[in-house]
Amino acid sequence: MYLTKEKKAEIFKKQGKAKAVTDTGSPESQIALFTFRVNELTEHLKTHPKDFSTRLGLLKLVGKRKRLLDYLHKVDITRYRAALADNNLRK
C-alpha cells in the first residue's frame, strides 16, 4: 500500500489546522491528503496509461479537492491561500 498509517499521520500533522494527528476533518488536511493521492495516481498513470479505473478515481479525487478548495475560498481566503501555497497548487 502506498499510503501507510505513518505517512497519513505525517500529512495530517504537517498540514492540519491544529497541527495534530487527530485533525483529519479540516479542509486543509483533507486537501493535503487528496493532493498526495492525486500525485501518486498521476505517477501510476504515467506507467500504466490504459488503466481506466484508476483514471476515473483520479478524476473523482481532483473534483473532491476542487470542491474543498472552493469551500475554503468562500469561508476564509487566507486559509485558502495558505492551502494553495502549502500543497504547491496554483489557481
PDB file of N, CA and C in Angstrom:
ATOM      1  N   MET A   1       0.842  -1.179   0.000  1.00  0.00           N
ATOM      2  CA  MET A   1       0.000   0.000   0.000  1.00  0.00           C
ATOM      3  C   MET A   1       0.887   1.243   0.000  1.00  0.00           C
ATOM      4  N   TYR A   2       0.562   2.171  -0.834  1.00  0.00           N
ATOM      5  CA  TYR A   2       1.394   3.359  -0.966  1.00  0.00           C
ATOM      6  C   TYR A   2       1.157   4.379   0.140  1.00  0.00           C
ATOM      7  N   LEU A   3       0.055   4.270   0.862  1.00  0.00           N
ATOM      8  CA  LEU A   3      -0.264   5.240   1.907  1.00  0.00           C
ATOM      9  C   LEU A   3      -0.421   4.504   3.229  1.00  0.00           C
ATOM     10  N   THR A   4       0.610   4.518   4.040  1.00  0.00           N
ATOM     11  CA  THR A   4       0.584   3.831   5.323  1.00  0.00           C
ATOM     12  C   THR A   4       0.003   4.748   6.390  1.00  0.00           C
ATOM     13  N   LYS A   5      -0.265   4.184   7.548  1.00  0.00           N
ATOM     14  CA  LYS A   5      -0.775   4.974   8.668  1.00  0.00           C
ATOM     15  C   LYS A   5       0.199   6.076   9.054  1.00  0.00           C
ATOM     16  N   GLU A   6       1.487   5.729   9.029  1.00  0.00           N
ATOM     17  CA  GLU A   6       2.503   6.696   9.429  1.00  0.00           C
ATOM     18  C   GLU A   6       2.565   7.874   8.454  1.00  0.00           C
ATOM     19  N   LYS A   7       2.469   7.566   7.154  1.00  0.00           N
ATOM     20  CA  LYS A   7       2.507   8.627   6.148  1.00  0.00           C
ATOM     21  C   LYS A   7       1.281   9.525   6.262  1.00  0.00           C
ATOM     22  N   LYS A   8       0.118   8.913   6.514  1.00  0.00           N
ATOM     23  CA  LYS A   8      -1.107   9.678   6.694  1.00  0.00           C
ATOM     24  C   LYS A   8      -0.999  10.590   7.917  1.00  0.00           C
ATOM     25  N   ALA A   9      -0.476  10.033   9.021  1.00  0.00           N
ATOM     26  CA  ALA A   9      -0.311  10.819  10.247  1.00  0.00           C
ATOM     27  C   ALA A   9       0.656  11.974  10.010  1.00  0.00           C
ATOM     28  N   GLU A  10       1.697  11.733   9.234  1.00  0.00           N
ATOM     29  CA  GLU A  10       2.655  12.798   8.930  1.00  0.00           C
ATOM     30  C   GLU A  10       1.991  13.918   8.128  1.00  0.00           C
ATOM     31  N   ILE A  11       1.169  13.542   7.159  1.00  0.00           N
ATOM     32  CA  ILE A  11       0.463  14.544   6.347  1.00  0.00           C
ATOM     33  C   ILE A  11      -0.477  15.364   7.214  1.00  0.00           C
ATOM     34  N   PHE A  12      -1.237  14.700   8.083  1.00  0.00           N
ATOM     35  CA  PHE A  12      -2.183  15.416   8.937  1.00  0.00           C
ATOM     36  C   PHE A  12      -1.465  16.306   9.943  1.00  0.00           C
ATOM     37  N   LYS A  13      -0.349  15.845  10.461  1.00  0.00           N
ATOM     38  CA  LYS A  13       0.394  16.642  11.440  1.00  0.00           C
ATOM     39  C   LYS A  13       0.994  17.878  10.788  1.00  0.00           C
ATOM     40  N   LYS A  14       1.469  17.726   9.551  1.00  0.00           N
ATOM     41  CA  LYS A  14       2.106  18.843   8.852  1.00  0.00           C
ATOM     42  C   LYS A  14       1.093  19.868   8.358  1.00  0.00           C
ATOM     43  N   GLN A  15      -0.062  19.408   7.867  1.00  0.00           N
ATOM     44  CA  GLN A  15      -0.997  20.298   7.194  1.00  0.00           C
ATOM     45  C   GLN A  15      -2.225  20.668   8.003  1.00  0.00           C
ATOM     46  N   GLY A  16      -2.513  19.940   9.064  1.00  0.00           N
ATOM     47  CA  GLY A  16      -3.749  20.170   9.799  1.00  0.00           C
ATOM     48  C   GLY A  16      -3.804  21.520  10.472  1.00  0.00           C
ATOM     49  N   LYS A  17      -5.004  21.965  10.714  1.00  0.00           N
ATOM     50  CA  LYS A  17      -5.217  23.264  11.323  1.00  0.00           C
ATOM     51  C   LYS A  17      -4.695  23.291  12.757  1.00  0.00           C
ATOM     52  N   ALA A  18      -4.891  22.199  13.480  1.00  0.00           N
ATOM     53  CA  ALA A  18      -4.461  22.134  14.875  1.00  0.00           C
ATOM     54  C   ALA A  18      -3.056  21.569  15.012  1.00  0.00           C
ATOM     55  N   LYS A  19      -2.415  21.223  13.900  1.00  0.00           N
ATOM     56  CA  LYS A  19      -1.073  20.639  13.891  1.00  0.00           C
ATOM     57  C   LYS A  19      -0.996  19.395  14.762  1.00  0.00           C
ATOM     58  N   ALA A  20      -2.070  18.612  14.750  1.00  0.00           N
ATOM     59  CA  ALA A  20      -2.128  17.362  15.496  1.00  0.00           C
ATOM     60  C   ALA A  20      -2.521  16.238  14.553  1.00  0.00           C
ATOM     61  N   VAL A  21      -2.190  15.022  14.942  1.00  0.00           N
ATOM     62  CA  VAL A  21      -2.503  13.855  14.114  1.00  0.00           C
ATOM     63  C   VAL A  21      -4.003  13.617  14.061  1.00  0.00           C
ATOM     64  N   THR A  22      -4.719  14.039  15.070  1.00  0.00           N
ATOM     65  CA  THR A  22      -6.154  13.777  15.127  1.00  0.00           C
ATOM     66  C   THR A  22      -6.971  14.755  14.289  1.00  0.00           C
ATOM     67  N   ASP A  23      -6.339  15.756  13.701  1.00  0.00           N
ATOM     68  CA  ASP A  23      -7.053  16.742  12.891  1.00  0.00           C
ATOM     69  C   ASP A  23      -7.217  16.210  11.473  1.00  0.00           C
ATOM     70  N   THR A  24      -8.194  15.329  11.292  1.00  0.00           N
ATOM     71  CA  THR A  24      -8.401  14.725   9.980  1.00  0.00           C
ATOM     72  C   THR A  24      -9.562  15.359   9.227  1.00  0.00           C
ATOM     73  N   GLY A  25     -10.332  16.198   9.874  1.00  0.00           N
ATOM     74  CA  GLY A  25     -11.527  16.728   9.242  1.00  0.00           C
ATOM     75  C   GLY A  25     -11.395  18.112   8.680  1.00  0.00           C
ATOM     76  N   SER A  26     -10.334  18.820   8.990  1.00  0.00           N
ATOM     77  CA  SER A  26     -10.197  20.182   8.485  1.00  0.00           C
ATOM     78  C   SER A  26      -9.962  20.152   6.977  1.00  0.00           C
ATOM     79  N   PRO A  27     -10.445  21.157   6.285  1.00  0.00           N
ATOM     80  CA  PRO A  27     -10.265  21.184   4.830  1.00  0.00           C
ATOM     81  C   PRO A  27      -8.792  21.171   4.422  1.00  0.00           C
ATOM     82  N   GLU A  28      -7.941  21.830   5.201  1.00  0.00           N
ATOM     83  CA  GLU A  28      -6.525  21.874   4.850  1.00  0.00           C
ATOM     84  C   GLU A  28      -5.904  20.482   4.859  1.00  0.00           C
ATOM     85  N   SER A  29      -6.225  19.684   5.885  1.00  0.00           N
ATOM     86  CA  SER A  29      -5.642  18.349   5.965  1.00  0.00           C
ATOM     87  C   SER A  29      -6.221  17.434   4.889  1.00  0.00           C
ATOM     88  N   GLN A  30      -7.503  17.582   4.578  1.00  0.00           N
ATOM     89  CA  GLN A  30      -8.093  16.771   3.524  1.00  0.00           C
ATOM     90  C   GLN A  30      -7.521  17.133   2.159  1.00  0.00           C
ATOM     91  N   ILE A  31      -7.298  18.422   1.920  1.00  0.00           N
ATOM     92  CA  ILE A  31      -6.705  18.857   0.660  1.00  0.00           C
ATOM     93  C   ILE A  31      -5.291  18.304   0.530  1.00  0.00           C
ATOM     94  N   ALA A  32      -4.546  18.308   1.631  1.00  0.00           N
ATOM     95  CA  ALA A  32      -3.184  17.770   1.598  1.00  0.00           C
ATOM     96  C   ALA A  32      -3.199  16.272   1.294  1.00  0.00           C
ATOM     97  N   LEU A  33      -4.129  15.545   1.906  1.00  0.00           N
ATOM     98  CA  LEU A  33      -4.227  14.107   1.655  1.00  0.00           C
ATOM     99  C   LEU A  33      -4.633  13.832   0.212  1.00  0.00           C
ATOM    100  N   PHE A  34      -5.611  14.576  -0.294  1.00  0.00           N
ATOM    101  CA  PHE A  34      -6.038  14.396  -1.680  1.00  0.00           C
ATOM    102  C   PHE A  34      -4.906  14.736  -2.645  1.00  0.00           C
ATOM    103  N   THR A  35      -4.125  15.770  -2.337  1.00  0.00           N
ATOM    104  CA  THR A  35      -3.007  16.144  -3.196  1.00  0.00           C
ATOM    105  C   THR A  35      -1.973  15.026  -3.251  1.00  0.00           C
ATOM    106  N   PHE A  36      -1.676  14.425  -2.107  1.00  0.00           N
ATOM    107  CA  PHE A  36      -0.729  13.308  -2.080  1.00  0.00           C
ATOM    108  C   PHE A  36      -1.248  12.164  -2.941  1.00  0.00           C
ATOM    109  N   ARG A  37      -2.531  11.826  -2.778  1.00  0.00           N
ATOM    110  CA  ARG A  37      -3.102  10.721  -3.542  1.00  0.00           C
ATOM    111  C   ARG A  37      -3.152  11.029  -5.035  1.00  0.00           C
ATOM    112  N   VAL A  38      -3.468  12.279  -5.399  1.00  0.00           N
ATOM    113  CA  VAL A  38      -3.507  12.673  -6.806  1.00  0.00           C
ATOM    114  C   VAL A  38      -2.118  12.533  -7.421  1.00  0.00           C
ATOM    115  N   ASN A  39      -1.087  12.953  -6.699  1.00  0.00           N
ATOM    116  CA  ASN A  39       0.269  12.843  -7.223  1.00  0.00           C
ATOM    117  C   ASN A  39       0.667  11.383  -7.415  1.00  0.00           C
ATOM    118  N   GLU A  40       0.299  10.527  -6.461  1.00  0.00           N
ATOM    119  CA  GLU A  40       0.626   9.100  -6.585  1.00  0.00           C
ATOM    120  C   GLU A  40      -0.103   8.465  -7.773  1.00  0.00           C
ATOM    121  N   LEU A  41      -1.376   8.782  -7.933  1.00  0.00           N
ATOM    122  CA  LEU A  41      -2.139   8.212  -9.043  1.00  0.00           C
ATOM    123  C   LEU A  41      -1.650   8.736 -10.387  1.00  0.00           C
ATOM    124  N   THR A  42      -1.209   9.977 -10.429  1.00  0.00           N
ATOM    125  CA  THR A  42      -0.669  10.539 -11.666  1.00  0.00           C
ATOM    126  C   THR A  42       0.593   9.790 -12.080  1.00  0.00           C
ATOM    127  N   GLU A  43       1.456   9.506 -11.106  1.00  0.00           N
ATOM    128  CA  GLU A  43       2.669   8.738 -11.405  1.00  0.00           C
ATOM    129  C   GLU A  43       2.320   7.325 -11.877  1.00  0.00           C
ATOM    130  N   HIS A  44       1.307   6.727 -11.271  1.00  0.00           N
ATOM    131  CA  HIS A  44       0.875   5.394 -11.681  1.00  0.00           C
ATOM    132  C   HIS A  44       0.379   5.402 -13.127  1.00  0.00           C
ATOM    133  N   LEU A  45      -0.373   6.439 -13.474  1.00  0.00           N
ATOM    134  CA  LEU A  45      -0.925   6.503 -14.822  1.00  0.00           C
ATOM    135  C   LEU A  45       0.126   6.809 -15.878  1.00  0.00           C
ATOM    136  N   LYS A  46       1.253   7.365 -15.465  1.00  0.00           N
ATOM    137  CA  LYS A  46       2.327   7.589 -16.433  1.00  0.00           C
ATOM    138  C   LYS A  46       2.920   6.264 -16.901  1.00  0.00           C
ATOM    139  N   THR A  47       2.947   5.280 -16.003  1.00  0.00           N
ATOM    140  CA  THR A  47       3.494   3.980 -16.388  1.00  0.00           C
ATOM    141  C   THR A  47       2.427   3.017 -16.891  1.00  0.00           C
ATOM    142  N   HIS A  48       1.165   3.248 -16.530  1.00  0.00           N
ATOM    143  CA  HIS A  48       0.052   2.387 -16.959  1.00  0.00           C
ATOM    144  C   HIS A  48      -1.030   3.254 -17.608  1.00  0.00           C
ATOM    145  N   PRO A  49      -0.821   3.694 -18.840  1.00  0.00           N
ATOM    146  CA  PRO A  49      -1.748   4.646 -19.450  1.00  0.00           C
ATOM    147  C   PRO A  49      -3.135   4.089 -19.767  1.00  0.00           C
ATOM    148  N   LYS A  50      -3.302   2.784 -19.810  1.00  0.00           N
ATOM    149  CA  LYS A  50      -4.609   2.209 -20.152  1.00  0.00           C
ATOM    150  C   LYS A  50      -5.414   1.778 -18.930  1.00  0.00           C
ATOM    151  N   ASP A  51      -4.998   2.185 -17.750  1.00  0.00           N
ATOM    152  CA  ASP A  51      -5.698   1.844 -16.514  1.00  0.00           C
ATOM    153  C   ASP A  51      -6.840   2.845 -16.310  1.00  0.00           C
ATOM    154  N   PHE A  52      -7.979   2.532 -16.900  1.00  0.00           N
ATOM    155  CA  PHE A  52      -9.080   3.488 -16.931  1.00  0.00           C
ATOM    156  C   PHE A  52      -9.805   3.600 -15.597  1.00  0.00           C
ATOM    157  N   SER A  53      -9.815   2.558 -14.789  1.00  0.00           N
ATOM    158  CA  SER A  53     -10.464   2.657 -13.483  1.00  0.00           C
ATOM    159  C   SER A  53      -9.676   3.584 -12.557  1.00  0.00           C
ATOM    160  N   THR A  54      -8.360   3.548 -12.664  1.00  0.00           N
ATOM    161  CA  THR A  54      -7.546   4.478 -11.881  1.00  0.00           C
ATOM    162  C   THR A  54      -7.748   5.900 -12.367  1.00  0.00           C
ATOM    163  N   ARG A  55      -7.883   6.064 -13.675  1.00  0.00           N
ATOM    164  CA  ARG A  55      -8.118   7.396 -14.233  1.00  0.00           C
ATOM    165  C   ARG A  55      -9.434   7.971 -13.712  1.00  0.00           C
ATOM    166  N   LEU A  56     -10.465   7.134 -13.630  1.00  0.00           N
ATOM    167  CA  LEU A  56     -11.747   7.585 -13.108  1.00  0.00           C
ATOM    168  C   LEU A  56     -11.621   7.992 -11.641  1.00  0.00           C
ATOM    169  N   GLY A  57     -10.906   7.182 -10.855  1.00  0.00           N
ATOM    170  CA  GLY A  57     -10.686   7.528  -9.455  1.00  0.00           C
ATOM    171  C   GLY A  57      -9.909   8.818  -9.298  1.00  0.00           C
ATOM    172  N   LEU A  58      -8.936   9.028 -10.175  1.00  0.00           N
ATOM    173  CA  LEU A  58      -8.153  10.264 -10.142  1.00  0.00           C
ATOM    174  C   LEU A  58      -9.034  11.472 -10.430  1.00  0.00           C
ATOM    175  N   LEU A  59      -9.899  11.355 -11.425  1.00  0.00           N
ATOM    176  CA  LEU A  59     -10.787  12.472 -11.755  1.00  0.00           C
ATOM    177  C   LEU A  59     -11.749  12.783 -10.616  1.00  0.00           C
ATOM    178  N   LYS A  60     -12.217  11.747  -9.913  1.00  0.00           N
ATOM    179  CA  LYS A  60     -13.099  11.973  -8.772  1.00  0.00           C
ATOM    180  C   LYS A  60     -12.356  12.673  -7.646  1.00  0.00           C
ATOM    181  N   LEU A  61     -11.110  12.269  -7.398  1.00  0.00           N
ATOM    182  CA  LEU A  61     -10.308  12.912  -6.353  1.00  0.00           C
ATOM    183  C   LEU A  61     -10.034  14.373  -6.680  1.00  0.00           C
ATOM    184  N   VAL A  62      -9.742  14.656  -7.930  1.00  0.00           N
ATOM    185  CA  VAL A  62      -9.495  16.035  -8.334  1.00  0.00           C
ATOM    186  C   VAL A  62     -10.751  16.874  -8.127  1.00  0.00           C
ATOM    187  N   GLY A  63     -11.913  16.300  -8.425  1.00  0.00           N
ATOM    188  CA  GLY A  63     -13.171  17.016  -8.207  1.00  0.00           C
ATOM    189  C   GLY A  63     -13.436  17.279  -6.738  1.00  0.00           C
ATOM    190  N   LYS A  64     -13.167  16.287  -5.886  1.00  0.00           N
ATOM    191  CA  LYS A  64     -13.345  16.479  -4.440  1.00  0.00           C
ATOM    192  C   LYS A  64     -12.425  17.575  -3.923  1.00  0.00           C
ATOM    193  N   ARG A  65     -11.172  17.533  -4.381  1.00  0.00           N
ATOM    194  CA  ARG A  65     -10.208  18.541  -3.927  1.00  0.00           C
ATOM    195  C   ARG A  65     -10.632  19.929  -4.389  1.00  0.00           C
ATOM    196  N   LYS A  66     -11.153  20.030  -5.603  1.00  0.00           N
ATOM    197  CA  LYS A  66     -11.604  21.322  -6.112  1.00  0.00           C
ATOM    198  C   LYS A  66     -12.783  21.855  -5.308  1.00  0.00           C
ATOM    199  N   ARG A  67     -13.713  20.966  -4.952  1.00  0.00           N
ATOM    200  CA  ARG A  67     -14.853  21.407  -4.146  1.00  0.00           C
ATOM    201  C   ARG A  67     -14.408  21.881  -2.760  1.00  0.00           C
ATOM    202  N   LEU A  68     -13.440  21.181  -2.169  1.00  0.00           N
ATOM    203  CA  LEU A  68     -12.921  21.614  -0.875  1.00  0.00           C
ATOM    204  C   LEU A  68     -12.215  22.964  -0.989  1.00  0.00           C
ATOM    205  N   LEU A  69     -11.455  23.145  -2.067  1.00  0.00           N
ATOM    206  CA  LEU A  69     -10.786  24.432  -2.265  1.00  0.00           C
ATOM    207  C   LEU A  69     -11.795  25.554  -2.484  1.00  0.00           C
ATOM    208  N   ASP A  70     -12.865  25.283  -3.215  1.00  0.00           N
ATOM    209  CA  ASP A  70     -13.912  26.285  -3.417  1.00  0.00           C
ATOM    210  C   ASP A  70     -14.583  26.650  -2.099  1.00  0.00           C
ATOM    211  N   TYR A  71     -14.839  25.638  -1.262  1.00  0.00           N
ATOM    212  CA  TYR A  71     -15.430  25.886   0.056  1.00  0.00           C
ATOM    213  C   TYR A  71     -14.505  26.759   0.893  1.00  0.00           C
ATOM    214  N   LEU A  72     -13.229  26.421   0.910  1.00  0.00           N
ATOM    215  CA  LEU A  72     -12.267  27.173   1.699  1.00  0.00           C
ATOM    216  C   LEU A  72     -12.142  28.599   1.178  1.00  0.00           C
ATOM    217  N   HIS A  73     -12.255  28.771  -0.135  1.00  0.00           N
ATOM    218  CA  HIS A  73     -12.198  30.107  -0.730  1.00  0.00           C
ATOM    219  C   HIS A  73     -13.371  30.963  -0.259  1.00  0.00           C
ATOM    220  N   LYS A  74     -14.563  30.357  -0.155  1.00  0.00           N
ATOM    221  CA  LYS A  74     -15.735  31.094   0.303  1.00  0.00           C
ATOM    222  C   LYS A  74     -15.669  31.429   1.781  1.00  0.00           C
ATOM    223  N   VAL A  75     -15.136  30.499   2.592  1.00  0.00           N
ATOM    224  CA  VAL A  75     -15.157  30.663   4.038  1.00  0.00           C
ATOM    225  C   VAL A  75     -14.047  31.585   4.529  1.00  0.00           C
ATOM    226  N   ASP A  76     -12.804  31.315   4.119  1.00  0.00           N
ATOM    227  CA  ASP A  76     -11.668  32.079   4.635  1.00  0.00           C
ATOM    228  C   ASP A  76     -10.583  32.125   3.569  1.00  0.00           C
ATOM    229  N   ILE A  77     -10.406  33.297   2.973  1.00  0.00           N
ATOM    230  CA  ILE A  77      -9.489  33.434   1.844  1.00  0.00           C
ATOM    231  C   ILE A  77      -8.036  33.246   2.271  1.00  0.00           C
ATOM    232  N   THR A  78      -7.680  33.611   3.489  1.00  0.00           N
ATOM    233  CA  THR A  78      -6.289  33.461   3.921  1.00  0.00           C
ATOM    234  C   THR A  78      -5.932  31.986   4.103  1.00  0.00           C
ATOM    235  N   ARG A  79      -6.857  31.198   4.662  1.00  0.00           N
ATOM    236  CA  ARG A  79      -6.617  29.757   4.785  1.00  0.00           C
ATOM    237  C   ARG A  79      -6.548  29.106   3.416  1.00  0.00           C
ATOM    238  N   TYR A  80      -7.342  29.603   2.475  1.00  0.00           N
ATOM    239  CA  TYR A  80      -7.326  29.105   1.100  1.00  0.00           C
ATOM    240  C   TYR A  80      -5.956  29.342   0.457  1.00  0.00           C
ATOM    241  N   ARG A  81      -5.464  30.556   0.597  1.00  0.00           N
ATOM    242  CA  ARG A  81      -4.157  30.876   0.012  1.00  0.00           C
ATOM    243  C   ARG A  81      -3.041  30.084   0.679  1.00  0.00           C
ATOM    244  N   ALA A  82      -3.157  29.874   1.984  1.00  0.00           N
ATOM    245  CA  ALA A  82      -2.149  29.069   2.683  1.00  0.00           C
ATOM    246  C   ALA A  82      -2.186  27.616   2.208  1.00  0.00           C
ATOM    247  N   ALA A  83      -3.378  27.081   1.977  1.00  0.00           N
ATOM    248  CA  ALA A  83      -3.511  25.706   1.492  1.00  0.00           C
ATOM    249  C   ALA A  83      -2.917  25.577   0.090  1.00  0.00           C
ATOM    250  N   LEU A  84      -3.125  26.569  -0.748  1.00  0.00           N
ATOM    251  CA  LEU A  84      -2.533  26.541  -2.087  1.00  0.00           C
ATOM    252  C   LEU A  84      -1.014  26.568  -2.018  1.00  0.00           C
ATOM    253  N   ALA A  85      -0.486  27.408  -1.147  1.00  0.00           N
ATOM    254  CA  ALA A  85       0.965  27.529  -1.030  1.00  0.00           C
ATOM    255  C   ALA A  85       1.579  26.268  -0.430  1.00  0.00           C
ATOM    256  N   ASP A  86       0.935  25.699   0.583  1.00  0.00           N
ATOM    257  CA  ASP A  86       1.477  24.518   1.259  1.00  0.00           C
ATOM    258  C   ASP A  86       1.487  23.286   0.359  1.00  0.00           C
ATOM    259  N   ASN A  87       0.536  23.169  -0.534  1.00  0.00           N
ATOM    260  CA  ASN A  87       0.413  21.989  -1.372  1.00  0.00           C
ATOM    261  C   ASN A  87       0.951  22.190  -2.784  1.00  0.00           C
ATOM    262  N   ASN A  88       1.614  23.316  -3.013  1.00  0.00           N
ATOM    263  CA  ASN A  88       2.178  23.630  -4.326  1.00  0.00           C
ATOM    264  C   ASN A  88       1.119  23.572  -5.426  1.00  0.00           C
ATOM    265  N   LEU A  89      -0.037  24.136  -5.140  1.00  0.00           N
ATOM    266  CA  LEU A  89      -1.116  24.218  -6.123  1.00  0.00           C
ATOM    267  C   LEU A  89      -1.169  25.637  -6.649  1.00  0.00           C
ATOM    268  N   ARG A  90      -1.774  25.807  -7.784  1.00  0.00           N
ATOM    269  CA  ARG A  90      -1.944  27.155  -8.315  1.00  0.00           C
ATOM    270  C   ARG A  90      -3.381  27.324  -8.763  1.00  0.00           C
ATOM    271  N   LYS A  91      -3.850  28.520  -8.704  1.00  0.00           N
ATOM    272  CA  LYS A  91      -5.229  28.803  -9.070  1.00  0.00           C
ATOM    273  C   LYS A  91      -5.267  30.060  -9.866  1.00  0.00           C
TER     274      LYS A  91
END
